């Protein structure tokens, strides 16, 4: 069941990861690294994607 929810929510996680990666990459390149986890764009994007997947999985579980 959890594996099925994860597969159904993968698109949201990938979309958020790519969006945050691009957005924060541009922001860091301009010199503003405030708010990054450990000063890393990839770590912050991964955390945002993981959170998006968990939220989407919960939404799919409780609304189905």
Protein backbone atom coordinates (compact mmCIF):
# COMPACT_ATOMS: atom_id res chain seq x y z
CA UNK A 1 0.00 0.00 0.00
CA UNK A 2 2.75 2.48 0.90
CA UNK A 3 4.68 1.53 -2.23
CA UNK A 4 1.61 2.18 -4.38
CA UNK A 5 1.04 5.57 -2.73
CA UNK A 6 4.71 6.44 -3.27
CA UNK A 7 4.52 5.55 -6.95
CA UNK A 8 1.36 7.61 -7.38
CA UNK A 9 2.97 10.60 -5.62
CA UNK A 10 6.30 10.41 -7.43
CA UNK A 11 5.35 13.05 -10.00
CA UNK A 12 4.75 15.66 -7.32
CA UNK A 13 8.09 14.89 -5.69
CA UNK A 14 10.04 15.08 -8.94
CA UNK A 15 8.28 18.29 -9.98
CA UNK A 16 8.98 20.01 -6.67
CA UNK A 17 12.60 18.80 -6.71
CA UNK A 18 13.26 20.20 -10.17
CA UNK A 19 11.45 23.47 -9.46
CA UNK A 20 13.24 24.08 -6.18
CA UNK A 21 16.57 23.00 -7.67
CA UNK A 22 16.29 25.52 -10.50
CA UNK A 23 14.91 28.31 -8.32
CA UNK A 24 17.39 27.97 -5.49
CA UNK A 25 20.25 27.37 -7.92
CA UNK A 26 19.60 30.72 -9.54
CA UNK A 27 19.17 32.37 -6.15
CA UNK A 28 22.44 30.95 -4.82
CA UNK A 29 24.29 31.93 -7.99
CA UNK A 30 23.21 35.53 -7.33
CA UNK A 31 24.81 35.30 -3.89
CA UNK A 32 21.82 34.70 -1.62
CA UNK A 33 22.31 31.38 0.16
CA UNK A 34 20.16 32.26 3.15
CA UNK A 35 17.62 29.60 4.10
CA UNK A 36 19.42 26.64 2.51
CA UNK A 37 19.79 23.46 4.55
CA UNK A 38 23.49 23.07 5.23
CA UNK A 39 24.22 25.64 2.53
CA UNK A 40 23.31 23.04 -0.10
CA UNK A 41 20.80 23.54 -2.91
CA UNK A 42 20.54 19.80 -3.56
CA UNK A 43 19.91 18.98 0.11
CA UNK A 44 17.21 21.66 0.35
CA UNK A 45 15.58 20.52 -2.91
CA UNK A 46 15.61 16.90 -1.72
CA UNK A 47 13.99 17.85 1.59
CA UNK A 48 11.29 19.86 -0.20
CA UNK A 49 10.63 16.97 -2.60
CA UNK A 50 10.41 14.48 0.26
CA UNK A 51 7.95 16.69 2.10
CA UNK A 52 5.88 17.14 -1.06
CA UNK A 53 5.74 13.37 -1.56
CA UNK A 54 4.67 12.75 2.04
CA UNK A 55 1.93 15.38 1.79
CA UNK A 56 0.70 13.99 -1.54
CA UNK A 57 0.74 10.43 -0.18
CA UNK A 58 -1.30 11.54 2.84
CA UNK A 59 -3.78 13.37 0.61
CA UNK A 60 -4.22 10.32 -1.62
CA UNK A 61 -4.57 7.99 1.37
CA UNK A 62 -7.15 10.04 3.27
CA UNK A 63 -9.23 11.11 0.27
CA UNK A 64 -9.44 7.70 -1.39
